[in-house]
Amino acid sequence: MRILVIGQGLAGTLASHFGLRKGWDVHVIDAGLPSASSVAAGMFNPMSFRRVIEAWEAEAHLQVMRQTFLELESITGSKLLFEMPIHKRLANSDYAALWKDKSTQLPWLGAPAAHWPTEGIVEGGGWVNLPLLLNLWRDRLKAEQRFELRGFQDQDAENLKRGQWDAIVDCRGTSAGIDGPLPCLDIRPYRGELLTIQHQNDGATPPQSHILNFGKWTIPLGGGQWRLGASYEWNQTDLEPSAETQQYLIDALHAAVPNMGAMTVTEHQVGLRPVSRDRRPAVGPYPGIPGWYVLNGLGTRGVLIGPRWARHLVDIIDGNATLTPETKPDRLLFSKP
């Protein structure tokens, strides 16, 4: 099969990986616009902390996720997957009691330890170095003459109609369906800002052995660096870093880590996460257009759920899987204004 993938963020990278794994002739185009994946922290977590419940089909997603990123490590020759526990600060006694009760029911949860009495522990978490993966994958595609730095063109749709492509896989995130003749899917921008910080002198630091969640979170990168995030803003699309948000995140970190030493912000990034109205991805045929498929709406859990659904989409195209009702793209159709 000859496949055109539009967009080389996380979704497009995963879709092209699974297509190539089947032996297909896969080509990828990307407009070079800022993507959520290129600035994402890449964190994965099998738990939802608000109600202390397991994330959607956590075990199934984790299994495919581990296998996929280990495969990509082997292909790229670089370390991408970093598994480590997540420590959740327990804000009050009621939440601590709920956590303790849930820890007897859910395999991911550990009760507070003696040396961390105010933190519940989550196993099965970690992060993936998405910016590195995207760059390495693009280099591989270029070396195999499978990549073009350009946006979608009307000729691509014509080539699909004429059979020059067997399928198009649309992975354009929040921009999919906004312009042109495609039906519009209710994929909303969920704007987020995050920082990379560097420890400068003596004093306390965020933990280096685990991810700390205190309403915000820190991810240890090694070498005295951490990712600090994140903000969450619906339906805002500007990509300018905000000084107010930077100070908000730094203040939250100081409150979480008393006596913290001086930190320097070495990078301040902004991304637009593509999130569907029901927090489930769009996976399958684009409604009403033969041969056109979509993988979108991976949202804030893209690293966790993306591999499974990219593999599923490729199996659908290959005729080896059927549509899953809760991820069918046509459930998200709405009229353009």
Protein backbone atom coordinates (compact mmCIF):
# COMPACT_ATOMS: atom_id res chain seq x y z
CA MET A 1 0.00 0.00 0.00
CA ARG A 2 1.07 3.58 -0.69
CA ILE A 3 0.14 5.91 2.17
CA LEU A 4 0.38 9.67 2.66
CA VAL A 5 0.53 10.87 6.28
CA ILE A 6 -0.25 14.56 6.88
CA GLY A 7 1.56 15.95 9.91
CA GLN A 8 4.60 14.63 11.74
CA GLY A 9 3.74 15.22 15.35
CA LEU A 10 3.27 12.30 17.70
CA ALA A 11 0.23 10.96 15.80
CA GLY A 12 1.91 11.17 12.39
CA THR A 13 5.14 9.67 13.67
CA LEU A 14 3.31 6.71 15.20
CA ALA A 15 1.06 6.16 12.17
CA SER A 16 4.04 6.18 9.81
CA HIS A 17 5.95 3.81 12.11
CA PHE A 18 3.16 1.23 12.12
CA GLY A 19 2.65 1.61 8.37
CA LEU A 20 6.33 1.05 7.68
CA ARG A 21 6.29 -1.92 10.01
CA LYS A 22 3.71 -3.51 7.69
CA GLY A 23 6.01 -2.96 4.74
CA TRP A 24 3.91 -0.16 3.23
CA ASP A 25 5.29 2.65 1.08
CA VAL A 26 4.69 5.48 3.56
CA HIS A 27 5.33 9.16 2.85
CA VAL A 28 4.92 12.04 5.32
CA ILE A 29 4.35 15.74 4.72
CA ASP A 30 4.53 18.39 7.42
CA ALA A 31 3.99 22.13 7.11
CA GLY A 32 6.63 22.96 9.71
CA LEU A 33 4.15 24.75 11.97
CA PRO A 34 4.53 24.58 15.77
CA SER A 35 3.05 21.33 17.07
CA ALA A 36 1.94 20.29 20.52
CA SER A 37 4.14 17.19 20.31
CA SER A 38 7.34 19.13 19.70
CA VAL A 39 6.99 21.01 22.98
CA ALA A 40 5.23 18.34 25.03
CA ALA A 41 6.69 17.03 28.29
CA GLY A 42 5.82 13.51 27.14
CA MET A 43 4.60 12.38 30.55
CA PHE A 44 2.43 9.28 30.96
CA ASN A 45 0.39 8.32 34.01
CA PRO A 46 -2.03 5.40 34.47
CA MET A 47 -4.07 7.36 37.03
CA SER A 48 -6.51 10.26 37.04
CA PHE A 49 -5.79 12.17 40.22
CA ARG A 50 -8.94 14.21 40.65
CA ARG A 51 -11.06 11.23 41.70
CA VAL A 52 -8.16 8.81 42.18
CA ILE A 53 -9.36 6.45 39.46
CA GLU A 54 -7.54 4.42 36.85
CA ALA A 55 -7.07 6.15 33.50
CA TRP A 56 -9.07 4.88 30.53
CA GLU A 57 -8.01 1.26 29.82
CA ALA A 58 -4.65 1.97 31.44
CA GLU A 59 -3.18 -1.53 31.28
CA ALA A 60 -3.98 -2.04 27.59
CA HIS A 61 -2.55 1.37 26.71
CA LEU A 62 0.59 0.91 28.80
CA GLN A 63 1.36 -2.46 27.26
CA VAL A 64 1.29 -1.15 23.68
CA MET A 65 3.03 2.08 24.68
CA ARG A 66 6.04 0.30 26.23
CA GLN A 67 6.38 -2.09 23.29
CA THR A 68 6.14 0.74 20.75
CA PHE A 69 8.64 3.12 22.29
CA LEU A 70 11.10 0.29 22.90
CA GLU A 71 10.79 -0.56 19.20
CA LEU A 72 11.43 3.08 18.33
CA GLU A 73 14.46 3.11 20.64
CA SER A 74 15.84 0.15 18.71
CA ILE A 75 15.17 1.78 15.34
CA THR A 76 16.60 5.19 16.27
CA GLY A 77 19.42 3.95 18.51
CA SER A 78 18.49 6.47 21.21
CA LYS A 79 16.97 6.30 24.69
CA LEU A 80 13.41 7.61 24.51
CA LEU A 81 11.38 5.92 27.27
CA PHE A 82 12.00 6.82 30.91
CA GLU A 83 9.86 4.88 33.37
CA MET A 84 9.75 6.25 36.90
CA PRO A 85 7.26 6.56 39.75
CA ILE A 86 5.03 9.56 40.22
CA HIS A 87 4.59 11.02 43.70
CA LYS A 88 1.30 12.83 44.23
CA ARG A 89 1.13 15.36 47.04
CA LEU A 90 -1.88 14.60 49.24
CA ALA A 91 -3.50 17.98 49.74
CA ASN A 92 -5.61 17.22 52.84
CA SER A 93 -6.71 14.44 55.16
CA ASP A 94 -9.83 13.58 53.16
CA TYR A 95 -7.82 13.13 49.97
CA ALA A 96 -5.19 11.12 51.87
CA ALA A 97 -7.92 8.82 53.22
CA LEU A 98 -9.36 8.36 49.72
CA TRP A 99 -5.89 7.57 48.37
CA LYS A 100 -5.25 5.02 51.11
CA ASP A 101 -8.57 3.30 50.39
CA LYS A 102 -7.95 3.24 46.62
CA SER A 103 -4.41 1.90 47.12
CA THR A 104 -5.92 -1.39 48.31
CA GLN A 105 -7.96 -1.66 45.08
CA LEU A 106 -5.75 -0.40 42.26
CA PRO A 107 -2.44 -1.99 41.21
CA TRP A 108 -0.79 1.34 40.38
CA LEU A 109 -1.14 2.95 43.78
CA GLY A 110 1.08 2.80 46.83
CA ALA A 111 0.21 4.25 50.22
CA PRO A 112 2.46 7.03 51.60
CA ALA A 113 5.84 5.73 52.74
CA ALA A 114 7.45 6.61 56.05
CA HIS A 115 9.98 8.93 54.37
CA TRP A 116 7.26 10.50 52.17
CA PRO A 117 4.28 10.68 54.54
CA THR A 118 2.41 13.34 52.52
CA GLU A 119 2.85 11.72 49.09
CA GLY A 120 0.99 8.88 47.45
CA ILE A 121 3.03 6.84 45.00
CA VAL A 122 2.01 5.78 41.48
CA GLU A 123 3.87 3.03 39.67
CA GLY A 124 3.67 2.72 35.90
CA GLY A 125 4.41 6.37 35.14
CA GLY A 126 7.24 8.16 33.39
CA TRP A 127 7.98 10.22 30.32
CA VAL A 128 9.07 9.95 26.69
CA ASN A 129 11.51 12.33 25.03
CA LEU A 130 9.14 13.42 22.28
CA PRO A 131 11.21 16.26 20.77
CA LEU A 132 14.12 13.86 20.30
CA LEU A 133 11.86 11.18 18.82
CA LEU A 134 10.29 13.59 16.33
CA ASN A 135 13.67 14.87 15.17
CA LEU A 136 15.18 11.40 14.83
CA TRP A 137 12.13 10.08 13.02
CA ARG A 138 12.13 13.00 10.59
CA ASP A 139 15.83 12.37 9.88
CA ARG A 140 15.04 8.72 9.12
CA LEU A 141 12.17 9.62 6.83
CA LYS A 142 14.35 12.15 5.00
CA ALA A 143 17.15 9.61 4.57
CA GLU A 144 14.66 7.23 2.95
CA GLN A 145 13.13 10.03 0.83
CA ARG A 146 9.82 9.67 2.60
CA PHE A 147 9.45 13.23 3.94
CA GLU A 148 8.52 16.61 2.47
CA LEU A 149 8.44 19.89 4.38
CA ARG A 150 5.21 21.32 3.01
CA GLY A 151 1.56 21.69 3.78
CA PHE A 152 -1.33 19.73 2.33
CA GLN A 153 -2.22 20.63 -1.27
CA ASP A 154 -5.35 20.08 -3.36
CA GLN A 155 -3.28 17.86 -5.62
CA ASP A 156 -2.85 15.40 -2.76
CA ALA A 157 -6.62 14.86 -2.66
CA GLU A 158 -6.67 14.47 -6.43
CA ASN A 159 -3.90 11.89 -6.22
CA LEU A 160 -6.00 9.93 -3.71
CA LYS A 161 -8.99 9.94 -6.09
CA ARG A 162 -6.78 8.78 -8.96
CA GLY A 163 -5.36 5.92 -6.93
CA GLN A 164 -1.84 7.28 -6.59
CA TRP A 165 -2.37 7.01 -2.84
CA ASP A 166 -4.18 4.03 -1.35
CA ALA A 167 -4.95 6.07 1.75
CA ILE A 168 -4.35 9.43 3.37
CA VAL A 169 -3.91 9.58 7.15
CA ASP A 170 -4.67 13.04 8.53
CA CYS A 171 -2.75 13.82 11.74
CA ARG A 172 -2.92 17.62 11.75
CA GLY A 173 -4.10 18.15 15.31
CA THR A 174 -6.08 21.31 15.97
CA SER A 175 -5.77 22.52 12.37
CA ALA A 176 -7.52 19.50 10.78
CA GLY A 177 -10.72 20.37 8.94
CA ILE A 178 -10.51 24.11 9.58
CA ASP A 179 -9.60 25.01 5.99
CA GLY A 180 -10.70 23.38 2.76
CA PRO A 181 -13.49 20.92 1.96
CA LEU A 182 -13.02 18.46 4.82
CA PRO A 183 -15.79 18.03 7.37
CA CYS A 184 -14.91 19.70 10.65
CA LEU A 185 -14.29 17.57 13.73
CA ASP A 186 -14.78 18.94 17.21
CA ILE A 187 -11.11 18.88 18.16
CA ARG A 188 -10.39 21.76 20.52
CA PRO A 189 -7.12 23.51 21.36
CA TYR A 190 -6.05 23.04 24.98
CA ARG A 191 -3.22 25.52 25.35
CA GLY A 192 -0.37 24.74 27.71
CA GLU A 193 2.87 26.37 28.78
CA LEU A 194 5.82 24.58 30.36
CA LEU A 195 9.33 25.47 31.45
CA THR A 196 12.75 23.87 31.53
CA ILE A 197 14.60 24.95 34.66
CA GLN A 198 18.24 24.64 35.72
CA HIS A 199 19.43 24.46 39.34
CA GLN A 200 21.99 27.17 40.04
CA ASN A 201 23.31 26.87 43.59
CA ASP A 202 22.94 25.22 46.98
CA GLY A 203 19.52 24.60 48.42
CA ALA A 204 16.68 22.16 48.01
CA THR A 205 15.75 20.89 44.55
CA PRO A 206 12.78 19.06 43.07
CA PRO A 207 13.19 15.29 43.33
CA GLN A 208 15.62 13.66 40.92
CA SER A 209 14.39 10.06 41.26
CA HIS A 210 10.71 10.52 40.49
CA ILE A 211 8.09 12.83 38.99
CA LEU A 212 6.49 15.10 41.59
CA ASN A 213 2.86 16.13 41.14
CA PHE A 214 1.66 18.98 43.36
CA GLY A 215 -1.14 20.26 41.17
CA LYS A 216 1.69 21.13 38.79
CA TRP A 217 4.57 18.72 38.18
CA THR A 218 8.31 18.37 37.76
CA ILE A 219 10.09 15.81 35.58
CA PRO A 220 13.80 15.20 36.27
CA LEU A 221 15.93 15.41 33.13
CA GLY A 222 19.32 14.88 34.79
CA GLY A 223 22.22 17.31 34.96
CA GLY A 224 20.39 19.58 37.39
CA GLN A 225 17.48 20.16 34.99
CA TRP A 226 13.73 19.61 35.27
CA ARG A 227 10.63 20.20 33.19
CA LEU A 228 8.05 22.23 35.10
CA GLY A 229 4.45 22.44 33.99
CA ALA A 230 1.90 22.99 33.04
CA SER A 231 -0.84 25.52 32.41
CA TYR A 232 -4.20 24.54 30.90
CA GLU A 233 -6.28 27.03 28.91
CA TRP A 234 -9.23 26.13 26.68
CA ASN A 235 -9.77 27.64 23.23
CA GLN A 236 -6.77 29.93 23.25
CA THR A 237 -4.51 29.62 20.25
CA ASP A 238 -1.71 32.14 20.66
CA LEU A 239 1.77 30.68 20.99
CA GLU A 240 3.46 33.55 22.82
CA PRO A 241 4.94 32.57 26.21
CA SER A 242 3.42 34.52 29.08
CA ALA A 243 5.59 36.10 31.78
CA GLU A 244 2.63 35.81 34.17
CA THR A 245 2.32 32.07 33.55
CA GLN A 246 6.05 31.59 34.02
CA GLN A 247 5.88 33.33 37.40
CA TYR A 248 2.79 31.32 38.34
CA LEU A 249 4.59 28.04 37.69
CA ILE A 250 7.73 29.16 39.53
CA ASP A 251 5.68 30.32 42.53
CA ALA A 252 3.87 26.97 42.63
CA LEU A 253 7.21 25.16 42.62
CA HIS A 254 8.59 27.30 45.45
CA ALA A 255 5.50 26.50 47.52
CA ALA A 256 5.94 22.78 46.83
CA VAL A 257 9.71 22.69 47.50
CA PRO A 258 10.54 24.83 50.54
CA ASN A 259 14.06 26.30 50.74
CA MET A 260 14.59 25.64 47.07
CA GLY A 261 17.84 26.95 45.63
CA ALA A 262 17.96 29.42 42.77
CA MET A 263 16.58 28.17 39.45
CA THR A 264 17.07 29.62 35.98
CA VAL A 265 14.45 29.20 33.27
CA THR A 266 16.35 27.93 30.24
CA GLU A 267 13.32 27.35 28.01
CA HIS A 268 9.70 28.48 28.00
CA GLN A 269 7.43 26.67 25.52
CA VAL A 270 3.81 26.84 24.44
CA GLY A 271 1.76 24.16 22.69
CA LEU A 272 -1.84 23.48 21.64
CA ARG A 273 -3.00 20.02 22.65
CA PRO A 274 -5.73 18.59 20.37
CA VAL A 275 -8.54 17.41 22.66
CA SER A 276 -11.97 16.10 21.66
CA ARG A 277 -15.11 17.10 23.49
CA ASP A 278 -15.40 13.64 25.09
CA ARG A 279 -11.64 13.17 25.69
CA ARG A 280 -11.44 10.21 23.30
CA PRO A 281 -9.38 10.27 20.10
CA ALA A 282 -10.72 10.23 16.55
CA VAL A 283 -9.52 7.01 14.89
CA GLY A 284 -10.82 5.78 11.57
CA PRO A 285 -12.19 6.93 8.19
CA TYR A 286 -12.76 10.64 7.74
CA PRO A 287 -16.55 10.88 7.37
CA GLY A 288 -17.73 10.92 3.78
CA ILE A 289 -14.34 10.80 2.03
CA PRO A 290 -13.27 7.36 0.74
CA GLY A 291 -9.66 6.49 1.51
CA TRP A 292 -9.17 9.40 3.92
CA TYR A 293 -8.47 8.48 7.54
CA VAL A 294 -7.87 10.48 10.69
CA LEU A 295 -5.81 10.05 13.85
CA ASN A 296 -6.41 13.04 16.07
CA GLY A 297 -7.53 14.22 19.50
CA LEU A 298 -4.86 12.37 21.49
CA GLY A 299 -4.93 15.21 24.01
CA THR A 300 -3.02 15.36 27.26
CA ARG A 301 -2.51 11.58 27.37
CA GLY A 302 -1.11 11.26 23.87
CA VAL A 303 2.04 9.38 24.87
CA LEU A 304 -0.01 6.81 26.77
CA ILE A 305 -2.86 6.23 24.31
CA GLY A 306 -1.29 7.21 20.97
CA PRO A 307 0.61 4.00 20.18
CA ARG A 308 -2.39 1.73 20.68
CA TRP A 309 -4.69 3.82 18.51
CA ALA A 310 -2.12 4.44 15.78
CA ARG A 311 -1.63 0.68 15.53
CA HIS A 312 -5.41 0.19 15.50
CA LEU A 313 -5.86 2.72 12.68
CA VAL A 314 -3.23 1.03 10.53
CA ASP A 315 -5.00 -2.30 11.16
CA ILE A 316 -8.30 -0.70 10.07
CA ILE A 317 -6.71 0.51 6.82
CA ASP A 318 -5.27 -2.98 6.30
CA GLY A 319 -8.68 -4.58 6.84
CA ASN A 320 -7.61 -6.37 10.03
CA ALA A 321 -9.64 -4.34 12.55
CA THR A 322 -13.05 -2.74 12.82
CA LEU A 323 -14.05 0.68 14.08
CA THR A 324 -14.39 1.14 17.82
CA PRO A 325 -17.60 3.08 18.60
CA GLU A 326 -16.10 5.38 21.23
CA THR A 327 -13.29 6.50 18.87
CA LYS A 328 -15.23 6.76 15.58
CA PRO A 329 -14.47 10.14 13.98
CA ASP A 330 -18.05 10.78 12.87
CA ARG A 331 -19.17 11.22 16.48
CA LEU A 332 -17.23 14.52 16.47
CA LEU A 333 -18.73 16.04 13.31
CA PHE A 334 -20.08 19.57 13.53
CA SER A 335 -20.95 22.32 11.07
CA LYS A 336 -18.40 24.99 10.29
CA PRO A 337 -19.47 28.50 11.29
